[in-house]
Amino acid sequence: MTGIPPELGRTPEIDTSVAHTARIWNYWLGGKDYYEIDRLIGDQIKRLHPGIIDYGRADRVFLGRAVRHLAEKVGIRQFLDIGTGLPTHDNTHEVAQRVDPTCRVVYVDNDPLVLVHANALLTSTPGGATAYLDADLRDPDTILERAADTLDLAEPTALTLLGVVIFIEDDDEARRIVRHLMDALPSGSHLVLSHTISSPSMPDVDEAVAYWNKYGTPRLTQRTPQQIARFFDGLELLDPGLVSCSRWRPEATPWGDPKEVAMYGAVARKP
């Protein structure tokens, strides 16, 4: 079962003269859905901060681990994935439906290029469901109303916000949006959130973000780990708490702990 929105019947306008974060990440991760401006800006950011690609990979692996844990160990069968980004390997529904083919996933994004490729996200197993919403994180009521066409929001749901709250500049507004979404979900629901950090030990990250905000869109907002922790107020953090995405329940290797990246994430349960 898939939910195909009417937006997929139109051709969205895409400004190819301005770099866009979703397309740059696609370029960095080896995809093909980007333009020359994205490559140019992406290469400059890599020169300023060579480790940037590790963030995207760590964030993606974090998503897979979190979704798999929630589906396998917690029994979550519904996922509301806001800030989906361009389709890639192991999208949320693919991870969840490998655990249980009846899992239902709603993807939400407002990037016109993601809209073009949204059909790639609508490949549910016959017993489950996927849907795509062209909507903005700043309008949580619309998201919740439309997501209810596919999800039963009276049942425990996992809300995933990976690398998307960084686009909300005001701290109070950002926390208010996350709280509003979680308030609409019942006890037993979970929040999965990741966010770029600012840290005195990583000045090259700040330089790369400043360059992006000068030449790219949308603007990014960094936050300290302490500020990011506030998004989980009132929730029960799962071990190991708020950590570098690369270090959230990593697979055991002979080489010890993975390298820390300036992208932090956590999973928390609503009591």
Protein backbone atom coordinates (compact mmCIF):
# COMPACT_ATOMS: atom_id res chain seq x y z
CA MET A 1 0.00 0.00 0.00
CA THR A 2 1.35 3.44 -0.88
CA GLY A 3 0.11 6.96 -0.37
CA ILE A 4 0.69 9.00 -3.50
CA PRO A 5 -0.01 12.69 -2.92
CA PRO A 6 -1.42 14.92 -5.65
CA GLU A 7 1.85 16.89 -5.51
CA LEU A 8 3.53 14.08 -7.46
CA GLY A 9 1.40 14.97 -10.47
CA ARG A 10 3.05 18.36 -10.92
CA THR A 11 6.58 19.43 -11.77
CA PRO A 12 8.03 21.51 -8.94
CA GLU A 13 10.23 24.51 -9.59
CA ILE A 14 13.91 23.90 -8.80
CA ASP A 15 16.42 26.74 -8.63
CA THR A 16 19.61 25.29 -10.13
CA SER A 17 21.61 28.47 -9.50
CA VAL A 18 21.64 28.11 -5.69
CA ALA A 19 23.20 25.20 -3.82
CA HIS A 20 20.81 23.15 -1.71
CA THR A 21 21.66 21.00 1.29
CA ALA A 22 19.81 17.86 0.09
CA ARG A 23 21.59 17.91 -3.26
CA ILE A 24 25.00 18.54 -1.68
CA TRP A 25 24.56 15.58 0.63
CA ASN A 26 23.55 13.51 -2.38
CA TYR A 27 26.79 14.58 -4.12
CA TRP A 28 28.93 13.81 -1.06
CA LEU A 29 27.37 10.37 -0.63
CA GLY A 30 27.98 9.37 -4.24
CA GLY A 31 24.54 10.06 -5.70
CA LYS A 32 23.66 11.62 -9.04
CA ASP A 33 20.87 14.05 -8.09
CA TYR A 34 22.76 17.34 -7.89
CA TYR A 35 23.75 20.29 -10.05
CA GLU A 36 27.07 21.96 -10.79
CA ILE A 37 26.54 24.63 -8.13
CA ASP A 38 26.04 21.88 -5.55
CA ARG A 39 29.31 20.22 -6.55
CA LEU A 40 31.23 23.51 -6.41
CA ILE A 41 29.93 24.52 -2.99
CA GLY A 42 30.22 20.95 -1.72
CA ASP A 43 33.87 20.75 -2.76
CA GLN A 44 34.65 24.03 -1.00
CA ILE A 45 32.98 22.86 2.21
CA LYS A 46 34.99 19.62 2.03
CA ARG A 47 38.17 21.68 1.75
CA LEU A 48 37.18 23.68 4.83
CA HIS A 49 36.14 20.58 6.76
CA PRO A 50 37.34 17.29 5.19
CA GLY A 51 35.45 15.17 7.72
CA ILE A 52 32.02 16.45 6.68
CA ILE A 53 31.16 13.35 4.65
CA ASP A 54 31.62 11.20 7.74
CA TYR A 55 28.69 13.08 9.32
CA GLY A 56 26.27 12.10 6.61
CA ARG A 57 27.33 8.47 6.76
CA ALA A 58 27.20 8.39 10.55
CA ASP A 59 23.75 10.02 10.54
CA ARG A 60 22.46 7.47 8.04
CA VAL A 61 23.82 4.53 10.02
CA PHE A 62 22.33 6.02 13.20
CA LEU A 63 18.91 6.13 11.52
CA GLY A 64 19.17 2.48 10.53
CA ARG A 65 20.24 1.36 13.99
CA ALA A 66 17.53 3.38 15.71
CA VAL A 67 14.73 2.21 13.39
CA ARG A 68 15.87 -1.40 13.63
CA HIS A 69 16.01 -1.23 17.44
CA LEU A 70 12.56 0.34 17.70
CA ALA A 71 11.02 -2.19 15.35
CA GLU A 72 12.85 -5.26 16.70
CA LYS A 73 13.15 -4.61 20.42
CA VAL A 74 10.40 -2.11 21.21
CA GLY A 75 7.72 -3.27 18.79
CA ILE A 76 7.12 0.07 17.08
CA ARG A 77 5.22 -0.40 13.84
CA GLN A 78 4.66 3.23 12.78
CA PHE A 79 7.24 5.83 11.77
CA LEU A 80 6.79 9.52 10.98
CA ASP A 81 9.98 10.55 9.17
CA ILE A 82 10.20 14.35 8.84
CA GLY A 83 13.06 15.82 6.82
CA THR A 84 13.37 12.72 4.69
CA GLY A 85 15.92 13.98 2.19
CA LEU A 86 16.63 12.30 -1.10
CA PRO A 87 15.95 8.56 -1.25
CA THR A 88 19.05 6.46 -0.65
CA HIS A 89 20.07 3.00 0.58
CA ASP A 90 18.11 1.61 3.55
CA ASN A 91 15.34 4.17 3.76
CA THR A 92 13.23 4.07 6.92
CA HIS A 93 10.51 1.81 5.53
CA GLU A 94 13.05 -0.66 4.14
CA VAL A 95 14.73 -1.07 7.53
CA ALA A 96 11.44 -1.28 9.43
CA GLN A 97 9.70 -3.62 7.01
CA ARG A 98 12.61 -6.05 7.05
CA VAL A 99 11.72 -6.51 10.72
CA ASP A 100 7.96 -6.58 10.16
CA PRO A 101 6.41 -6.18 6.69
CA THR A 102 3.31 -4.57 8.22
CA CYS A 103 5.20 -1.44 9.35
CA ARG A 104 3.75 1.86 8.16
CA VAL A 105 5.88 4.90 7.32
CA VAL A 106 5.00 8.48 6.41
CA TYR A 107 7.78 10.59 4.89
CA VAL A 108 7.66 14.39 5.07
CA ASP A 109 9.79 16.93 3.24
CA ASN A 110 9.34 20.27 1.48
CA ASP A 111 12.31 20.07 -0.89
CA PRO A 112 11.15 20.11 -4.53
CA LEU A 113 13.92 17.73 -5.59
CA VAL A 114 12.84 15.22 -2.94
CA LEU A 115 9.32 15.54 -4.30
CA VAL A 116 10.57 14.61 -7.77
CA HIS A 117 12.05 11.40 -6.38
CA ALA A 118 9.32 10.64 -3.85
CA ASN A 119 8.07 7.62 -5.80
CA ALA A 120 11.26 5.84 -4.73
CA LEU A 121 9.98 6.08 -1.15
CA LEU A 122 6.61 4.59 -2.00
CA THR A 123 7.73 0.98 -2.36
CA SER A 124 6.04 -0.61 0.61
CA THR A 125 5.58 -4.30 1.19
CA PRO A 126 2.01 -5.44 0.41
CA GLY A 127 1.15 -5.74 4.11
CA GLY A 128 2.55 -2.37 5.14
CA ALA A 129 2.19 1.19 3.91
CA THR A 130 4.27 4.19 2.90
CA ALA A 131 3.17 7.73 2.11
CA TYR A 132 4.90 10.98 1.21
CA LEU A 133 3.78 14.44 2.34
CA ASP A 134 5.01 17.67 0.80
CA ALA A 135 4.92 19.72 4.01
CA ASP A 136 7.06 21.94 6.22
CA LEU A 137 8.30 21.13 9.74
CA ARG A 138 7.10 24.60 10.76
CA ASP A 139 3.52 23.46 10.17
CA PRO A 140 3.21 20.48 12.53
CA ASP A 141 -0.59 20.53 12.60
CA THR A 142 -0.79 19.94 8.85
CA ILE A 143 1.77 17.16 9.13
CA LEU A 144 -0.16 15.42 11.89
CA GLU A 145 -3.50 15.81 10.15
CA ARG A 146 -2.26 14.38 6.86
CA ALA A 147 -0.11 11.67 8.46
CA ALA A 148 -3.25 10.35 10.17
CA ASP A 149 -4.48 9.17 6.76
CA THR A 150 -1.79 6.46 6.92
CA LEU A 151 -0.82 6.16 10.58
CA ASP A 152 -2.99 5.50 13.63
CA LEU A 153 -1.61 8.24 15.87
CA ALA A 154 -3.39 6.75 18.86
CA GLU A 155 -0.82 3.94 18.70
CA PRO A 156 2.90 4.28 19.62
CA THR A 157 4.79 5.98 16.81
CA ALA A 158 8.44 6.80 16.21
CA LEU A 159 9.05 10.41 15.19
CA THR A 160 12.36 10.75 13.33
CA LEU A 161 13.92 14.20 12.91
CA LEU A 162 17.38 13.63 11.48
CA GLY A 163 19.34 16.73 10.57
CA VAL A 164 16.18 18.79 10.06
CA VAL A 165 15.76 20.84 13.24
CA ILE A 166 18.99 22.62 12.23
CA PHE A 167 16.86 24.60 9.77
CA ILE A 168 14.83 26.21 12.59
CA GLU A 169 16.97 29.12 13.75
CA ASP A 170 15.07 30.17 16.87
CA ASP A 171 15.68 27.81 19.81
CA ASP A 172 12.27 28.35 21.39
CA GLU A 173 10.46 27.76 18.10
CA ALA A 174 12.47 24.63 17.39
CA ARG A 175 11.72 23.13 20.82
CA ARG A 176 8.07 24.16 20.57
CA ILE A 177 7.68 22.31 17.25
CA VAL A 178 9.30 19.12 18.53
CA ARG A 179 7.22 19.24 21.72
CA HIS A 180 4.02 19.87 19.72
CA LEU A 181 4.65 16.79 17.59
CA MET A 182 5.50 14.58 20.57
CA ASP A 183 2.49 15.87 22.54
CA ALA A 184 0.26 14.55 19.77
CA LEU A 185 1.66 11.02 20.12
CA PRO A 186 0.72 8.53 22.86
CA SER A 187 2.80 7.02 25.64
CA GLY A 188 5.31 4.52 24.27
CA SER A 189 6.12 6.69 21.26
CA HIS A 190 9.76 7.54 20.61
CA LEU A 191 11.74 10.53 19.36
CA VAL A 192 14.80 9.95 17.16
CA LEU A 193 16.66 13.22 16.61
CA SER A 194 20.08 14.20 15.29
CA HIS A 195 21.66 17.64 15.03
CA THR A 196 24.96 19.24 14.03
CA ILE A 197 26.88 20.47 17.07
CA SER A 198 29.10 23.46 17.64
CA SER A 199 32.18 22.79 19.75
CA PRO A 200 35.35 24.73 20.60
CA SER A 201 37.28 21.57 19.72
CA MET A 202 35.93 21.62 16.13
CA PRO A 203 36.49 25.15 14.74
CA ASP A 204 36.57 23.87 11.17
CA VAL A 205 32.92 22.84 11.54
CA ASP A 206 31.95 26.41 12.39
CA GLU A 207 33.90 27.69 9.37
CA ALA A 208 32.20 25.23 7.03
CA VAL A 209 28.73 26.13 8.35
CA ALA A 210 29.49 29.85 7.98
CA TYR A 211 30.52 29.26 4.37
CA TRP A 212 27.36 27.26 3.72
CA ASN A 213 25.13 29.94 5.19
CA LYS A 214 26.74 32.50 2.90
CA TYR A 215 26.32 30.56 -0.34
CA GLY A 216 23.74 27.81 0.22
CA THR A 217 20.13 27.32 1.20
CA PRO A 218 18.44 26.79 3.58
CA ARG A 219 20.52 28.30 6.38
CA LEU A 220 21.84 25.98 9.08
CA THR A 221 21.83 26.55 12.84
CA GLN A 222 24.39 24.81 15.01
CA ARG A 223 23.67 24.02 18.64
CA THR A 224 25.73 22.79 21.57
CA PRO A 225 25.11 19.29 22.94
CA GLN A 226 23.46 20.95 25.95
CA GLN A 227 21.03 22.81 23.67
CA ILE A 228 20.27 19.65 21.70
CA ALA A 229 19.54 17.77 24.92
CA ARG A 230 16.65 20.18 25.57
CA PHE A 231 14.71 18.62 22.68
CA PHE A 232 14.38 15.50 24.85
CA ASP A 233 12.99 17.26 27.93
CA GLY A 234 10.28 15.14 29.54
CA LEU A 235 11.32 12.01 27.65
CA GLU A 236 13.27 8.95 28.79
CA LEU A 237 16.61 8.72 26.98
CA LEU A 238 17.65 5.26 25.83
CA ASP A 239 21.26 4.26 26.48
CA PRO A 240 23.79 5.60 25.64
CA GLY A 241 21.96 8.94 25.70
CA LEU A 242 22.92 11.88 23.50
CA VAL A 243 26.18 11.03 21.76
CA SER A 244 27.99 11.32 18.46
CA CYS A 245 25.79 9.53 15.91
CA SER A 246 28.71 7.25 15.12
CA ARG A 247 28.72 6.06 18.74
CA TRP A 248 25.02 5.28 19.21
CA ARG A 249 25.03 1.50 19.72
CA PRO A 250 27.73 0.83 17.10
CA GLU A 251 28.50 -2.62 15.86
CA ALA A 252 31.47 -4.18 17.67
CA THR A 253 34.75 -4.06 15.72
CA PRO A 254 38.37 -4.94 16.52
CA TRP A 255 39.27 -1.24 16.17
CA GLY A 256 37.46 0.10 19.21
CA ASP A 257 35.01 3.00 19.33
CA PRO A 258 34.18 4.77 16.05
CA LYS A 259 35.55 8.24 15.46
CA GLU A 260 33.44 11.04 16.94
CA VAL A 261 31.63 13.29 14.46
CA ALA A 262 30.00 16.69 14.99
CA MET A 263 26.55 15.20 14.46
CA TYR A 264 24.91 14.14 17.72
CA GLY A 265 21.83 12.01 18.12
CA ALA A 266 19.65 10.22 20.64
CA VAL A 267 16.54 8.08 20.97
CA ALA A 268 14.03 8.70 23.75
CA ARG A 269 10.74 7.21 24.90
CA LYS A 270 7.62 9.17 25.81
CA PRO A 271 6.50 7.90 29.24
